């Protein structure tokens, strides 16, 4: 694993926008193609195996949590305990998730957290970096930024997503939804909708704010009054469950994507439960609800429910790096520190994607800080 620099494509903005990746410059600098990460085929095999092993551990942990009814430890609201448990017992279909890993090419990759409910950075990891590589192969020379035509990319996201939509919601029309006025969420939701359309599924789009409830029909409805029988929502379950319309979720027969059982995995309390169930596993870091149980002084304090690196405290060698935010009232976990890969001052986190039960590729976010945030850059990759 190494980081290398190369000149950006002359028309990279247009190429991104042609793919629906309009938010390439959000914050001033998000998509970063003046650099890329290069792996060996053997390193890609390690990442693929780690992603599928972590997926297996998570499913085993779900089974144990439901069996022992440990929902409150995961900050799941009490009215949703039964719904989450029944969703797991039915094995309601999941589409995707993203493991965030610390790894520099040596030793086993370590799980930092699991974005199991509303993972983003998807269109970048799928089509944007794929076409970046294909374009680079066609450039005339290394001086122009060409990459050898034999290079490949750990990226089967697009094909696997299309295949996965064929197994979702028993043929119902799928409504796709996100919040209004959020370009990144709209871009990711639109991309996912496009993969569902390519799978032959009937789809509609509606903003979360426009979803209504029909008391007479006992279902959610769109602006035209159509019943919402299947809903992909780029909106976290912990928010949905606490909205004023949350109780209606328990009254309807909508197929949710991601399903309610993903509430078991889309919070950082599961990191502590995973370590409890699989202590010493090479892909896990020590993690506890009580920092006194950590075997080392260096650790990261994370809110059970949080987004985009908010309210994280990284404590090392007597110092601390702390991010702000409004999270933490549900409690925290304390995870052993794992150094991120660092190249010329850039800290890299590897996002390993799962579609269904299969590893589907990686995307890399980097930052000047060892805490990855919503402003962190996306950098493409390839392997040889």
Protein backbone atom coordinates (compact mmCIF):
# COMPACT_ATOMS: atom_id res chain seq x y z
CA UNK A 1 0.00 0.00 0.00
CA UNK A 2 1.38 3.36 -1.02
CA UNK A 3 0.19 6.84 -1.92
CA UNK A 4 1.38 8.45 -5.11
CA UNK A 5 0.72 11.78 -6.82
CA UNK A 6 -0.25 12.40 -10.44
CA UNK A 7 -1.76 15.25 -12.44
CA UNK A 8 -5.56 15.51 -12.37
CA UNK A 9 -7.48 14.87 -15.58
CA UNK A 10 -8.03 18.12 -17.44
CA UNK A 11 -11.81 17.59 -17.54
CA UNK A 12 -12.28 15.79 -14.21
CA UNK A 13 -15.12 18.04 -13.04
CA UNK A 14 -17.15 17.39 -16.17
CA UNK A 15 -16.44 13.66 -15.98
CA UNK A 16 -17.65 13.53 -12.36
CA UNK A 17 -20.79 15.50 -13.13
CA UNK A 18 -21.65 13.24 -16.07
CA UNK A 19 -21.91 10.41 -13.53
CA UNK A 20 -24.19 12.35 -11.18
CA UNK A 21 -21.30 13.13 -8.82
CA UNK A 22 -22.09 16.85 -8.59
CA UNK A 23 -20.77 17.34 -5.05
CA UNK A 24 -17.15 16.65 -6.00
CA UNK A 25 -15.97 19.98 -4.56
CA UNK A 26 -18.19 20.29 -1.49
CA UNK A 27 -16.26 22.14 1.18
CA UNK A 28 -13.84 23.30 -1.50
CA UNK A 29 -11.92 20.04 -1.90
CA UNK A 30 -13.61 16.68 -1.59
CA UNK A 31 -12.74 14.53 -4.62
CA UNK A 32 -8.93 14.36 -4.67
CA UNK A 33 -7.38 12.98 -7.84
CA UNK A 34 -4.01 14.68 -7.60
CA UNK A 35 -3.15 11.54 -5.64
CA UNK A 36 -4.17 7.90 -5.50
CA UNK A 37 -3.52 4.80 -3.41
CA UNK A 38 -1.84 1.77 -4.95
CA UNK A 39 -2.17 -1.78 -3.61
CA UNK A 40 -0.86 -5.18 -4.53
CA UNK A 41 -3.27 -7.96 -5.47
CA UNK A 42 -2.31 -9.76 -2.26
CA UNK A 43 -3.24 -6.71 -0.17
CA UNK A 44 -6.63 -6.55 -1.87
CA UNK A 45 -7.18 -10.19 -0.95
CA UNK A 46 -6.51 -9.29 2.70
CA UNK A 47 -9.06 -6.46 2.62
CA UNK A 48 -11.69 -8.60 0.91
CA UNK A 49 -11.27 -11.39 3.46
CA UNK A 50 -11.39 -8.91 6.36
CA UNK A 51 -14.65 -7.36 5.13
CA UNK A 52 -16.39 -10.72 4.78
CA UNK A 53 -15.07 -11.92 8.14
CA UNK A 54 -16.33 -8.78 9.87
CA UNK A 55 -19.69 -9.23 8.18
CA UNK A 56 -19.84 -12.77 9.56
CA UNK A 57 -18.97 -11.56 13.07
CA UNK A 58 -21.65 -8.88 12.91
CA UNK A 59 -24.36 -11.33 11.90
CA UNK A 60 -23.35 -13.63 14.76
CA UNK A 61 -23.47 -10.68 17.13
CA UNK A 62 -26.98 -9.77 15.94
CA UNK A 63 -28.14 -13.29 16.72
CA UNK A 64 -26.74 -13.07 20.24
CA UNK A 65 -28.15 -9.61 20.94
CA UNK A 66 -31.64 -10.61 19.81
CA UNK A 67 -31.48 -13.89 21.72
CA UNK A 68 -30.53 -12.07 24.92
CA UNK A 69 -32.72 -8.99 24.25
CA UNK A 70 -29.84 -6.55 24.74
CA UNK A 71 -31.55 -3.76 22.83
CA UNK A 72 -31.26 -1.10 25.50
CA UNK A 73 -27.45 -1.36 25.44
CA UNK A 74 -27.66 -0.25 21.81
CA UNK A 75 -29.80 2.81 22.60
CA UNK A 76 -32.74 1.37 20.65
CA UNK A 77 -36.05 2.93 21.83
CA UNK A 78 -38.16 0.44 23.80
CA UNK A 79 -41.17 0.57 21.43
CA UNK A 80 -38.89 -0.75 18.67
CA UNK A 81 -37.46 -3.75 20.55
CA UNK A 82 -40.00 -6.20 19.11
CA UNK A 83 -39.85 -4.74 15.60
CA UNK A 84 -36.07 -5.01 15.48
CA UNK A 85 -36.10 -8.55 16.83
CA UNK A 86 -38.77 -9.74 14.41
CA UNK A 87 -36.99 -8.08 11.51
CA UNK A 88 -33.85 -10.03 12.39
CA UNK A 89 -35.70 -13.31 12.81
CA UNK A 90 -37.23 -12.85 9.35
CA UNK A 91 -33.80 -11.91 8.01
CA UNK A 92 -35.28 -8.90 6.23
CA UNK A 93 -33.13 -8.19 3.20
CA UNK A 94 -30.18 -5.86 3.61
CA UNK A 95 -28.63 -4.11 0.62
CA UNK A 96 -25.30 -2.72 1.80
CA UNK A 97 -22.96 -1.48 4.50
CA UNK A 98 -19.46 -0.07 4.88
CA UNK A 99 -16.77 -1.06 7.35
CA UNK A 100 -14.23 1.65 8.17
CA UNK A 101 -10.82 0.07 8.63
CA UNK A 102 -7.41 1.15 9.89
CA UNK A 103 -4.69 -0.51 7.83
CA UNK A 104 -1.34 0.39 6.33
CA UNK A 105 -0.71 -2.83 4.41
CA UNK A 106 0.81 -4.78 7.29
CA UNK A 107 -0.86 -6.97 9.88
CA UNK A 108 -4.63 -7.50 9.98
CA UNK A 109 -7.00 -4.62 9.14
CA UNK A 110 -8.74 -3.27 12.26
CA UNK A 111 -12.42 -2.32 12.45
CA UNK A 112 -12.95 1.29 13.52
CA UNK A 113 -16.73 1.33 13.03
CA UNK A 114 -19.50 -0.05 10.86
CA UNK A 115 -21.71 2.25 8.79
CA UNK A 116 -24.49 -0.29 8.53
CA UNK A 117 -27.61 1.82 7.99
CA UNK A 118 -26.90 4.91 5.90
CA UNK A 119 -23.39 4.55 4.44
CA UNK A 120 -22.38 7.31 2.06
CA UNK A 121 -19.33 7.96 -0.16
CA UNK A 122 -20.98 5.42 -2.46
CA UNK A 123 -21.11 7.07 -5.86
CA UNK A 124 -17.46 8.03 -5.37
CA UNK A 125 -16.42 4.49 -4.48
CA UNK A 126 -18.46 2.95 -7.29
CA UNK A 127 -18.63 4.73 -10.64
CA UNK A 128 -16.50 7.85 -10.00
CA UNK A 129 -13.27 6.06 -9.16
CA UNK A 130 -13.93 3.32 -11.73
CA UNK A 131 -14.16 5.80 -14.62
CA UNK A 132 -11.19 7.69 -13.14
CA UNK A 133 -9.11 4.52 -13.63
CA UNK A 134 -10.47 3.79 -17.10
CA UNK A 135 -9.75 7.36 -18.20
CA UNK A 136 -6.21 7.14 -16.84
CA UNK A 137 -5.53 3.98 -18.82
CA UNK A 138 -6.27 5.89 -22.01
CA UNK A 139 -3.88 8.77 -21.33
CA UNK A 140 -0.81 8.89 -23.62
CA UNK A 141 2.02 8.70 -21.08
CA UNK A 142 2.92 8.45 -17.39
CA UNK A 143 3.87 12.13 -17.52
CA UNK A 144 0.25 12.90 -18.41
CA UNK A 145 -0.96 10.77 -15.48
CA UNK A 146 -1.47 7.48 -17.33
CA UNK A 147 -1.85 4.25 -15.36
CA UNK A 148 -0.79 0.92 -16.83
CA UNK A 149 -3.56 -0.81 -18.74
CA UNK A 150 -3.17 -3.94 -16.64
CA UNK A 151 -4.14 -2.15 -13.43
CA UNK A 152 -7.39 -3.15 -11.74
CA UNK A 153 -9.59 -1.84 -8.95
CA UNK A 154 -11.28 -3.53 -6.00
CA UNK A 155 -14.70 -2.38 -7.09
CA UNK A 156 -17.71 -4.46 -8.08
CA UNK A 157 -20.17 -2.17 -6.32
CA UNK A 158 -22.22 -1.20 -9.34
CA UNK A 159 -22.80 -4.73 -10.58
CA UNK A 160 -23.50 -6.13 -7.12
CA UNK A 161 -25.98 -3.36 -6.29
CA UNK A 162 -27.93 -4.04 -9.47
CA UNK A 163 -28.02 -7.73 -8.60
CA UNK A 164 -29.06 -7.03 -5.02
CA UNK A 165 -32.07 -4.88 -5.89
CA UNK A 166 -33.58 -7.87 -7.65
CA UNK A 167 -33.89 -9.59 -4.25
CA UNK A 168 -35.46 -6.68 -2.36
CA UNK A 169 -39.09 -6.06 -1.38
CA UNK A 170 -40.77 -8.79 -3.44
CA UNK A 171 -41.22 -6.72 -6.59
CA UNK A 172 -42.91 -3.73 -4.94
CA UNK A 173 -42.34 -0.21 -6.23
CA UNK A 174 -39.44 1.21 -4.21
CA UNK A 175 -39.60 4.80 -3.06
CA UNK A 176 -36.18 6.43 -2.61
CA UNK A 177 -35.89 9.20 -0.07
CA UNK A 178 -33.46 11.62 1.58
CA UNK A 179 -33.64 15.04 3.18
CA UNK A 180 -34.22 18.10 1.04
CA UNK A 181 -31.36 20.54 0.36
CA UNK A 182 -28.52 18.08 0.94
CA UNK A 183 -26.62 17.66 -2.32
CA UNK A 184 -24.48 14.73 -1.17
CA UNK A 185 -27.40 12.69 0.16
CA UNK A 186 -29.44 13.44 -2.95
CA UNK A 187 -26.55 12.35 -5.18
CA UNK A 188 -26.06 9.05 -3.35
CA UNK A 189 -29.80 8.36 -3.23
CA UNK A 190 -30.22 9.12 -6.93
CA UNK A 191 -27.33 6.82 -7.76
CA UNK A 192 -28.85 3.97 -5.76
CA UNK A 193 -32.18 4.58 -7.44
CA UNK A 194 -30.45 4.33 -10.82
CA UNK A 195 -28.98 0.93 -9.92
CA UNK A 196 -32.46 -0.25 -8.89
CA UNK A 197 -33.89 0.94 -12.22
CA UNK A 198 -31.11 -0.94 -14.03
CA UNK A 199 -32.22 -4.01 -12.05
CA UNK A 200 -35.68 -3.62 -13.57
CA UNK A 201 -37.37 -2.25 -10.47
CA UNK A 202 -40.15 0.32 -10.48
CA UNK A 203 -39.10 3.35 -8.43
CA UNK A 204 -40.29 6.75 -7.27
CA UNK A 205 -38.50 9.56 -5.43
CA UNK A 206 -39.79 11.58 -2.50
CA UNK A 207 -38.06 13.79 0.03
CA UNK A 208 -38.34 12.61 3.62
CA UNK A 209 -40.14 15.82 4.55
CA UNK A 210 -42.89 15.10 2.00
CA UNK A 211 -43.83 11.62 3.23
CA UNK A 212 -47.34 11.56 4.67
CA UNK A 213 -49.39 9.16 6.77
CA UNK A 214 -52.82 7.89 5.78
CA UNK A 215 -54.74 6.92 8.91
CA UNK A 216 -57.49 5.37 6.79
CA UNK A 217 -55.14 3.13 4.81
CA UNK A 218 -52.69 2.58 7.69
CA UNK A 219 -49.66 3.34 5.55
CA UNK A 220 -47.21 6.03 4.54
CA UNK A 221 -48.04 7.82 1.28
CA UNK A 222 -46.28 10.00 -1.27
CA UNK A 223 -47.45 13.37 -2.60
CA UNK A 224 -49.72 11.69 -5.15
CA UNK A 225 -51.35 9.55 -2.49
CA UNK A 226 -49.61 6.34 -3.55
CA UNK A 227 -48.94 3.94 -0.71
CA UNK A 228 -45.25 3.51 0.14
CA UNK A 229 -44.81 -0.26 0.24
CA UNK A 230 -41.01 -0.26 0.12
CA UNK A 231 -38.80 2.65 1.18
CA UNK A 232 -35.09 3.20 0.81
CA UNK A 233 -34.24 6.00 3.20
CA UNK A 234 -30.90 7.73 3.44
CA UNK A 235 -31.99 8.79 6.90
CA UNK A 236 -30.78 7.08 10.08
CA UNK A 237 -33.01 4.72 11.98
CA UNK A 238 -32.18 6.45 15.27
CA UNK A 239 -33.67 9.64 13.84
CA UNK A 240 -36.71 7.92 12.31
CA UNK A 241 -37.53 6.13 15.54
CA UNK A 242 -37.56 9.41 17.45
CA UNK A 243 -39.58 11.48 14.97
CA UNK A 244 -43.16 12.41 15.85
CA UNK A 245 -44.35 9.98 13.14
CA UNK A 246 -42.09 7.24 14.52
CA UNK A 247 -44.95 5.26 16.12
CA UNK A 248 -46.58 4.89 12.69
CA UNK A 249 -43.57 2.83 11.56
CA UNK A 250 -44.79 0.11 13.90
CA UNK A 251 -48.31 0.24 12.43
CA UNK A 252 -47.56 -0.33 8.74
CA UNK A 253 -46.21 -3.16 6.61
CA UNK A 254 -43.66 -1.17 4.65
CA UNK A 255 -40.44 -2.91 3.58
CA UNK A 256 -37.62 -0.74 4.93
CA UNK A 257 -34.21 -0.46 3.30
CA UNK A 258 -32.11 -0.79 5.32
CA UNK A 259 -34.36 -3.01 7.52
CA UNK A 260 -35.05 -2.40 11.23
CA UNK A 261 -32.54 -5.04 12.35
CA UNK A 262 -29.75 -2.81 11.03
CA UNK A 263 -30.38 -0.71 14.17
CA UNK A 264 -28.41 -3.45 15.91
CA UNK A 265 -25.31 -2.61 13.90
CA UNK A 266 -25.59 1.08 13.08
CA UNK A 267 -24.29 2.26 16.43
CA UNK A 268 -20.95 2.05 18.14
CA UNK A 269 -22.18 0.10 21.14
CA UNK A 270 -21.91 -2.94 18.90
CA UNK A 271 -18.14 -2.40 18.85
CA UNK A 272 -18.04 -3.20 22.55
CA UNK A 273 -20.37 -6.17 22.13
CA UNK A 274 -18.27 -7.55 19.28
CA UNK A 275 -15.16 -7.44 21.47
CA UNK A 276 -17.06 -9.10 24.30
CA UNK A 277 -18.19 -11.92 22.02
CA UNK A 278 -14.95 -12.29 20.06
CA UNK A 279 -12.16 -11.08 22.35
CA UNK A 280 -8.76 -10.95 20.73
CA UNK A 281 -10.08 -11.34 17.19
CA UNK A 282 -7.38 -10.00 14.83
CA UNK A 283 -9.78 -7.68 12.98
CA UNK A 284 -11.24 -6.12 16.14
CA UNK A 285 -9.95 -3.54 18.59
CA UNK A 286 -10.51 -3.76 22.35
CA UNK A 287 -13.68 -1.81 23.09
CA UNK A 288 -15.65 -1.32 26.32
CA UNK A 289 -18.37 0.78 27.88
CA UNK A 290 -15.96 1.45 30.77
CA UNK A 291 -12.56 2.99 29.88
CA UNK A 292 -11.02 1.44 32.99
CA UNK A 293 -11.21 -1.95 31.24
CA UNK A 294 -8.97 -0.91 28.35
CA UNK A 295 -5.57 -2.62 28.51
CA UNK A 296 -3.77 0.44 27.11
CA UNK A 297 -3.80 4.16 27.89
CA UNK A 298 -4.28 5.23 24.26
CA UNK A 299 -7.92 5.08 23.23
CA UNK A 300 -10.73 6.74 21.29
CA UNK A 301 -13.93 7.82 23.02
CA UNK A 302 -16.91 7.59 20.64
CA UNK A 303 -20.62 8.38 21.14
CA UNK A 304 -22.87 5.37 20.77
CA UNK A 305 -24.89 7.35 18.23
CA UNK A 306 -23.02 9.94 16.16
CA UNK A 307 -22.27 11.00 12.61
CA UNK A 308 -19.27 12.17 10.59
CA UNK A 309 -16.65 12.11 13.34
CA UNK A 310 -18.58 14.36 15.73
CA UNK A 311 -17.90 14.33 19.48
CA UNK A 312 -14.92 11.99 19.17
CA UNK A 313 -12.00 12.20 21.61
CA UNK A 314 -8.68 10.64 20.61
CA UNK A 315 -6.40 10.36 23.64
CA UNK A 316 -2.75 9.48 23.21
CA UNK A 317 0.37 9.94 25.32
CA UNK A 318 -1.33 12.29 27.72
CA UNK A 319 -2.78 14.53 24.98
CA UNK A 320 -6.18 14.66 23.35
CA UNK A 321 -7.74 15.56 20.01
CA UNK A 322 -11.44 16.36 20.35
CA UNK A 323 -14.12 17.14 17.76
CA UNK A 324 -17.26 19.11 18.50
CA UNK A 325 -20.88 18.22 17.95
CA UNK A 326 -24.22 17.57 19.60
CA UNK A 327 -24.01 13.81 20.19
CA UNK A 328 -23.30 11.75 23.28
CA UNK A 329 -26.44 11.77 25.43
CA UNK A 330 -26.96 8.02 24.81
CA UNK A 331 -23.49 7.25 26.16
CA UNK A 332 -20.05 6.37 24.83
CA UNK A 333 -17.77 3.45 24.07
CA UNK A 334 -14.01 3.43 24.58
CA UNK A 335 -12.03 1.76 21.82
CA UNK A 336 -8.36 0.92 21.74
CA UNK A 337 -6.32 3.19 19.51
CA UNK A 338 -5.23 1.93 16.09
CA UNK A 339 -2.93 4.22 14.11
CA UNK A 340 -4.20 5.11 10.65
CA UNK A 341 -2.01 4.72 7.60
CA UNK A 342 -0.17 8.02 7.19
CA UNK A 343 1.50 9.27 4.02
CA UNK A 344 3.09 12.72 3.91
CA UNK A 345 0.76 14.04 6.58
CA UNK A 346 -2.39 12.42 5.15
CA UNK A 347 -4.25 9.99 7.40
CA UNK A 348 -6.19 7.35 5.45
CA UNK A 349 -9.26 5.31 6.42
CA UNK A 350 -10.29 2.43 4.16
CA UNK A 351 -14.02 1.97 3.67
CA UNK A 352 -14.71 -1.67 2.79
CA UNK A 353 -18.13 -2.21 1.21
CA UNK A 354 -20.48 -5.16 1.67
CA UNK A 355 -23.41 -5.75 -0.70
CA UNK A 356 -25.67 -8.50 0.52
CA UNK A 357 -23.17 -10.94 2.03
CA UNK A 358 -20.26 -10.20 -0.30
CA UNK A 359 -17.34 -7.79 -0.20
CA UNK A 360 -17.81 -5.33 -3.06
CA UNK A 361 -14.88 -2.91 -3.05
CA UNK A 362 -13.17 -0.13 -1.14
CA UNK A 363 -13.11 3.66 -1.00
CA UNK A 364 -10.47 5.70 0.80
CA UNK A 365 -11.02 8.88 2.80
CA UNK A 366 -8.08 10.92 4.01
CA UNK A 367 -7.63 13.89 6.29
CA UNK A 368 -4.91 16.06 7.76
CA UNK A 369 -6.20 14.85 11.14
CA UNK A 370 -6.41 11.27 12.45
CA UNK A 371 -10.16 11.76 12.95
CA UNK A 372 -12.14 11.31 9.73
CA UNK A 373 -14.88 13.92 9.31
CA UNK A 374 -17.46 14.98 6.73
CA UNK A 375 -14.84 17.32 5.26
CA UNK A 376 -12.31 14.51 4.69
CA UNK A 377 -11.21 13.92 1.11
CA UNK A 378 -12.02 10.93 -1.11
CA UNK A 379 -8.99 9.51 -2.94
CA UNK A 380 -9.26 6.83 -5.68
CA UNK A 381 -7.21 3.63 -5.78
CA UNK A 382 -6.07 0.80 -7.99
CA UNK A 383 -4.06 -2.40 -7.61
CA UNK A 384 -1.45 -4.19 -9.65
